[in-house]
Amino acid sequence: MASLDEELLQDQEENKREIAFIREQLPSDLKEQYTDAQLVWMLDTIATYFYESGILESNDDEVDVDIDEVSDYLCKQAAAEGLPKLNADEVRFVVEADLDFQEENL
């Protein structure tokens, strides 16, 4: 069993790989718009959305994710936490890239 430090290091490495993947997927005008810290926050918030929505508990082979709903959730959470305002149309690209990354790395 991996120690807590090893697990944290693995999570950091996974985040780095996913951030690199997301940056590759984003339109050129958005590639540098978000810092790595902002992208990590978005990934954590997307995971929170999936947890709170019950999607993770589904027994279906395929789950239909409403990308617009997830994007809106990110924007609302950013506002609630006093973070800079996010544009749902732009955040949508991050959500799509996250889903693509997750699908490729199952």
N, C-alpha and C. Protein backbone atom coordinates (compact mmCIF):
# COMPACT_ATOMS: atom_id res chain seq x y z
N MET A 1 0.84 -1.18 0.00
CA MET A 1 0.00 0.00 0.00
C MET A 1 0.89 1.25 0.00
N ALA A 2 0.54 2.20 -0.83
CA ALA A 2 1.33 3.43 -0.95
C ALA A 2 1.12 4.33 0.27
N SER A 3 2.18 4.99 0.66
CA SER A 3 2.07 5.93 1.78
C SER A 3 1.32 7.18 1.31
N LEU A 4 0.91 7.99 2.26
CA LEU A 4 0.19 9.22 1.95
C LEU A 4 1.05 10.12 1.06
N ASP A 5 2.33 10.23 1.38
CA ASP A 5 3.23 11.06 0.56
C ASP A 5 3.31 10.55 -0.87
N GLU A 6 3.37 9.23 -1.04
CA GLU A 6 3.42 8.64 -2.38
C GLU A 6 2.13 8.92 -3.14
N GLU A 7 1.00 8.81 -2.45
CA GLU A 7 -0.29 9.07 -3.09
C GLU A 7 -0.41 10.53 -3.50
N LEU A 8 0.05 11.44 -2.64
CA LEU A 8 0.01 12.86 -2.99
C LEU A 8 0.90 13.16 -4.19
N LEU A 9 2.06 12.53 -4.24
CA LEU A 9 2.97 12.71 -5.37
C LEU A 9 2.34 12.16 -6.65
N GLN A 10 1.68 11.02 -6.55
CA GLN A 10 0.99 10.45 -7.71
C GLN A 10 -0.12 11.38 -8.19
N ASP A 11 -0.87 11.96 -7.25
CA ASP A 11 -1.94 12.90 -7.61
C ASP A 11 -1.37 14.13 -8.32
N GLN A 12 -0.24 14.64 -7.82
CA GLN A 12 0.39 15.80 -8.45
C GLN A 12 0.84 15.47 -9.87
N GLU A 13 1.42 14.29 -10.05
CA GLU A 13 1.87 13.86 -11.39
C GLU A 13 0.68 13.70 -12.33
N GLU A 14 -0.39 13.13 -11.82
CA GLU A 14 -1.61 12.96 -12.62
C GLU A 14 -2.17 14.32 -13.02
N ASN A 15 -2.19 15.26 -12.07
CA ASN A 15 -2.66 16.62 -12.38
C ASN A 15 -1.80 17.26 -13.45
N LYS A 16 -0.49 17.10 -13.38
CA LYS A 16 0.41 17.67 -14.39
C LYS A 16 0.11 17.10 -15.77
N ARG A 17 -0.09 15.78 -15.83
CA ARG A 17 -0.40 15.15 -17.12
C ARG A 17 -1.74 15.65 -17.66
N GLU A 18 -2.73 15.75 -16.77
CA GLU A 18 -4.04 16.19 -17.22
C GLU A 18 -4.02 17.66 -17.64
N ILE A 19 -3.31 18.49 -16.92
CA ILE A 19 -3.21 19.91 -17.29
C ILE A 19 -2.55 20.05 -18.65
N ALA A 20 -1.49 19.28 -18.89
CA ALA A 20 -0.82 19.32 -20.20
C ALA A 20 -1.79 18.89 -21.29
N PHE A 21 -2.57 17.84 -21.02
CA PHE A 21 -3.57 17.36 -21.98
C PHE A 21 -4.61 18.43 -22.26
N ILE A 22 -5.11 19.06 -21.20
CA ILE A 22 -6.14 20.09 -21.36
C ILE A 22 -5.60 21.25 -22.17
N ARG A 23 -4.39 21.70 -21.87
CA ARG A 23 -3.80 22.81 -22.63
C ARG A 23 -3.69 22.48 -24.12
N GLU A 24 -3.39 21.23 -24.43
CA GLU A 24 -3.33 20.81 -25.84
C GLU A 24 -4.69 20.88 -26.50
N GLN A 25 -5.74 20.62 -25.74
CA GLN A 25 -7.10 20.57 -26.29
C GLN A 25 -7.76 21.94 -26.42
N LEU A 26 -7.32 22.89 -25.62
CA LEU A 26 -7.96 24.20 -25.61
C LEU A 26 -7.69 24.96 -26.91
N PRO A 27 -8.66 25.77 -27.34
CA PRO A 27 -8.42 26.64 -28.49
C PRO A 27 -7.22 27.55 -28.18
N SER A 28 -6.51 27.95 -29.22
CA SER A 28 -5.27 28.71 -29.03
C SER A 28 -5.46 29.97 -28.18
N ASP A 29 -6.59 30.64 -28.31
CA ASP A 29 -6.80 31.87 -27.53
C ASP A 29 -7.05 31.60 -26.04
N LEU A 30 -7.28 30.34 -25.66
CA LEU A 30 -7.51 30.01 -24.24
C LEU A 30 -6.36 29.25 -23.60
N LYS A 31 -5.39 28.83 -24.39
CA LYS A 31 -4.31 27.98 -23.87
C LYS A 31 -3.60 28.57 -22.66
N GLU A 32 -3.37 29.86 -22.64
CA GLU A 32 -2.63 30.48 -21.55
C GLU A 32 -3.53 31.33 -20.65
N GLN A 33 -4.83 31.23 -20.83
CA GLN A 33 -5.75 32.06 -20.03
C GLN A 33 -5.78 31.63 -18.57
N TYR A 34 -5.63 30.34 -18.31
CA TYR A 34 -5.75 29.83 -16.96
C TYR A 34 -4.39 29.38 -16.44
N THR A 35 -4.12 29.68 -15.17
CA THR A 35 -2.91 29.18 -14.53
C THR A 35 -3.11 27.70 -14.21
N ASP A 36 -2.01 27.03 -13.89
CA ASP A 36 -2.10 25.63 -13.48
C ASP A 36 -2.97 25.52 -12.22
N ALA A 37 -2.82 26.47 -11.30
CA ALA A 37 -3.61 26.44 -10.07
C ALA A 37 -5.11 26.56 -10.38
N GLN A 38 -5.46 27.43 -11.33
CA GLN A 38 -6.87 27.57 -11.71
C GLN A 38 -7.39 26.27 -12.33
N LEU A 39 -6.58 25.65 -13.16
CA LEU A 39 -7.01 24.40 -13.79
C LEU A 39 -7.16 23.29 -12.75
N VAL A 40 -6.26 23.22 -11.78
CA VAL A 40 -6.39 22.23 -10.71
C VAL A 40 -7.68 22.49 -9.93
N TRP A 41 -7.97 23.75 -9.64
CA TRP A 41 -9.21 24.09 -8.94
C TRP A 41 -10.41 23.61 -9.78
N MET A 42 -10.37 23.86 -11.09
CA MET A 42 -11.48 23.42 -11.95
C MET A 42 -11.62 21.91 -11.92
N LEU A 43 -10.52 21.18 -12.00
CA LEU A 43 -10.58 19.72 -11.97
C LEU A 43 -11.16 19.23 -10.65
N ASP A 44 -10.73 19.83 -9.55
CA ASP A 44 -11.29 19.45 -8.24
C ASP A 44 -12.77 19.77 -8.15
N THR A 45 -13.16 20.90 -8.71
CA THR A 45 -14.56 21.32 -8.67
C THR A 45 -15.42 20.45 -9.58
N ILE A 46 -14.88 20.04 -10.71
CA ILE A 46 -15.60 19.10 -11.58
C ILE A 46 -15.82 17.79 -10.84
N ALA A 47 -14.79 17.31 -10.15
CA ALA A 47 -14.92 16.07 -9.37
C ALA A 47 -15.98 16.23 -8.29
N THR A 48 -16.01 17.38 -7.65
CA THR A 48 -17.02 17.66 -6.63
C THR A 48 -18.42 17.61 -7.25
N TYR A 49 -18.56 18.22 -8.43
CA TYR A 49 -19.86 18.19 -9.13
C TYR A 49 -20.30 16.75 -9.36
N PHE A 50 -19.39 15.92 -9.88
CA PHE A 50 -19.74 14.53 -10.16
C PHE A 50 -20.14 13.80 -8.88
N TYR A 51 -19.43 14.07 -7.81
CA TYR A 51 -19.75 13.44 -6.53
C TYR A 51 -21.12 13.89 -6.03
N GLU A 52 -21.35 15.20 -6.02
CA GLU A 52 -22.60 15.74 -5.49
C GLU A 52 -23.81 15.41 -6.36
N SER A 53 -23.60 15.27 -7.66
CA SER A 53 -24.72 15.00 -8.57
C SER A 53 -25.15 13.54 -8.56
N GLY A 54 -24.32 12.67 -8.00
CA GLY A 54 -24.65 11.25 -7.98
C GLY A 54 -24.20 10.49 -9.21
N ILE A 55 -23.56 11.18 -10.15
CA ILE A 55 -23.11 10.54 -11.38
C ILE A 55 -22.16 9.39 -11.07
N LEU A 56 -21.32 9.55 -10.08
CA LEU A 56 -20.33 8.52 -9.75
C LEU A 56 -20.97 7.25 -9.22
N GLU A 57 -22.20 7.36 -8.75
CA GLU A 57 -22.89 6.20 -8.19
C GLU A 57 -23.70 5.44 -9.23
N SER A 58 -23.71 5.92 -10.46
CA SER A 58 -24.49 5.29 -11.52
C SER A 58 -23.91 3.92 -11.86
N ASN A 59 -24.79 2.98 -12.10
CA ASN A 59 -24.38 1.63 -12.51
C ASN A 59 -24.40 1.47 -14.02
N ASP A 60 -24.80 2.52 -14.74
CA ASP A 60 -24.87 2.47 -16.19
C ASP A 60 -23.47 2.41 -16.78
N ASP A 61 -23.34 1.70 -17.92
CA ASP A 61 -22.05 1.64 -18.61
C ASP A 61 -21.64 3.00 -19.13
N GLU A 62 -22.62 3.75 -19.60
CA GLU A 62 -22.36 5.09 -20.09
C GLU A 62 -23.26 6.07 -19.36
N VAL A 63 -22.67 7.19 -18.97
CA VAL A 63 -23.41 8.23 -18.26
C VAL A 63 -23.43 9.47 -19.13
N ASP A 64 -24.59 10.06 -19.27
CA ASP A 64 -24.73 11.27 -20.07
C ASP A 64 -24.44 12.48 -19.17
N VAL A 65 -23.35 13.18 -19.49
CA VAL A 65 -22.95 14.34 -18.71
C VAL A 65 -23.36 15.60 -19.46
N ASP A 66 -24.09 16.48 -18.80
CA ASP A 66 -24.48 17.75 -19.39
C ASP A 66 -23.34 18.74 -19.19
N ILE A 67 -22.54 18.94 -20.23
CA ILE A 67 -21.34 19.78 -20.14
C ILE A 67 -21.71 21.21 -19.77
N ASP A 68 -22.81 21.70 -20.28
CA ASP A 68 -23.23 23.06 -19.94
C ASP A 68 -23.57 23.19 -18.45
N GLU A 69 -24.19 22.15 -17.90
CA GLU A 69 -24.53 22.16 -16.48
C GLU A 69 -23.26 22.16 -15.62
N VAL A 70 -22.28 21.36 -16.02
CA VAL A 70 -21.01 21.32 -15.28
C VAL A 70 -20.31 22.67 -15.38
N SER A 71 -20.31 23.26 -16.56
CA SER A 71 -19.67 24.57 -16.76
C SER A 71 -20.34 25.63 -15.90
N ASP A 72 -21.66 25.62 -15.87
CA ASP A 72 -22.39 26.57 -15.04
C ASP A 72 -22.06 26.37 -13.56
N TYR A 73 -21.95 25.11 -13.15
CA TYR A 73 -21.60 24.80 -11.76
C TYR A 73 -20.23 25.40 -11.42
N LEU A 74 -19.25 25.24 -12.32
CA LEU A 74 -17.93 25.82 -12.07
C LEU A 74 -18.00 27.33 -11.91
N CYS A 75 -18.76 27.97 -12.78
CA CYS A 75 -18.90 29.43 -12.71
C CYS A 75 -19.54 29.87 -11.39
N LYS A 76 -20.57 29.16 -10.97
CA LYS A 76 -21.26 29.49 -9.71
C LYS A 76 -20.35 29.25 -8.52
N GLN A 77 -19.59 28.17 -8.54
CA GLN A 77 -18.68 27.88 -7.43
C GLN A 77 -17.58 28.93 -7.35
N ALA A 78 -17.05 29.35 -8.50
CA ALA A 78 -16.02 30.40 -8.51
C ALA A 78 -16.56 31.67 -7.88
N ALA A 79 -17.78 32.04 -8.24
CA ALA A 79 -18.39 33.25 -7.69
C ALA A 79 -18.61 33.09 -6.19
N ALA A 80 -19.07 31.92 -5.77
CA ALA A 80 -19.33 31.68 -4.35
C ALA A 80 -18.05 31.71 -3.52
N GLU A 81 -16.94 31.34 -4.14
CA GLU A 81 -15.67 31.33 -3.42
C GLU A 81 -14.89 32.63 -3.59
N GLY A 82 -15.49 33.60 -4.28
CA GLY A 82 -14.83 34.89 -4.46
C GLY A 82 -13.67 34.87 -5.44
N LEU A 83 -13.68 33.89 -6.33
CA LEU A 83 -12.63 33.78 -7.35
C LEU A 83 -12.99 34.65 -8.55
N PRO A 84 -12.02 34.90 -9.42
CA PRO A 84 -12.33 35.68 -10.62
C PRO A 84 -13.47 35.04 -11.41
N LYS A 85 -14.28 35.89 -12.02
CA LYS A 85 -15.45 35.42 -12.79
C LYS A 85 -14.99 34.55 -13.95
N LEU A 86 -15.70 33.44 -14.13
CA LEU A 86 -15.43 32.53 -15.24
C LEU A 86 -16.51 32.66 -16.29
N ASN A 87 -16.14 32.46 -17.52
CA ASN A 87 -17.06 32.48 -18.65
C ASN A 87 -17.45 31.03 -18.96
N ALA A 88 -18.73 30.70 -18.85
CA ALA A 88 -19.20 29.32 -19.04
C ALA A 88 -18.85 28.78 -20.42
N ASP A 89 -18.90 29.63 -21.44
CA ASP A 89 -18.57 29.18 -22.80
C ASP A 89 -17.10 28.78 -22.91
N GLU A 90 -16.24 29.47 -22.18
CA GLU A 90 -14.81 29.14 -22.19
C GLU A 90 -14.51 27.94 -21.29
N VAL A 91 -15.15 27.90 -20.13
CA VAL A 91 -14.94 26.80 -19.19
C VAL A 91 -15.39 25.48 -19.81
N ARG A 92 -16.35 25.55 -20.68
CA ARG A 92 -16.87 24.36 -21.36
C ARG A 92 -15.74 23.56 -22.02
N PHE A 93 -14.77 24.26 -22.59
CA PHE A 93 -13.64 23.59 -23.24
C PHE A 93 -12.81 22.80 -22.22
N VAL A 94 -12.68 23.34 -21.02
CA VAL A 94 -11.93 22.65 -19.96
C VAL A 94 -12.70 21.40 -19.53
N VAL A 95 -14.01 21.53 -19.38
CA VAL A 95 -14.84 20.40 -18.97
C VAL A 95 -14.76 19.29 -20.03
N GLU A 96 -14.87 19.66 -21.30
CA GLU A 96 -14.79 18.66 -22.37
C GLU A 96 -13.43 17.97 -22.37
N ALA A 97 -12.36 18.74 -22.20
CA ALA A 97 -11.01 18.17 -22.19
C ALA A 97 -10.83 17.24 -20.99
N ASP A 98 -11.39 17.62 -19.83
CA ASP A 98 -11.31 16.76 -18.66
C ASP A 98 -12.01 15.44 -18.92
N LEU A 99 -13.19 15.49 -19.50
CA LEU A 99 -13.93 14.26 -19.81
C LEU A 99 -13.16 13.40 -20.80
N ASP A 100 -12.56 14.02 -21.81
CA ASP A 100 -11.75 13.29 -22.79
C ASP A 100 -10.56 12.62 -22.10
N PHE A 101 -9.90 13.35 -21.21
CA PHE A 101 -8.75 12.79 -20.49
C PHE A 101 -9.19 11.60 -19.66
N GLN A 102 -10.29 11.75 -18.94
CA GLN A 102 -10.78 10.66 -18.08
C GLN A 102 -11.12 9.44 -18.93
N GLU A 103 -11.75 9.66 -20.07
CA GLU A 103 -12.13 8.56 -20.94
C GLU A 103 -10.91 7.82 -21.47
N GLU A 104 -9.87 8.55 -21.83
CA GLU A 104 -8.66 7.96 -22.38
C GLU A 104 -7.84 7.25 -21.31
N ASN A 105 -8.03 7.59 -20.05
CA ASN A 105 -7.19 7.06 -18.99
C ASN A 105 -7.93 6.14 -18.02
N LEU A 106 -9.04 5.57 -18.46
CA LEU A 106 -9.77 4.64 -17.60
C LEU A 106 -9.05 3.32 -17.50
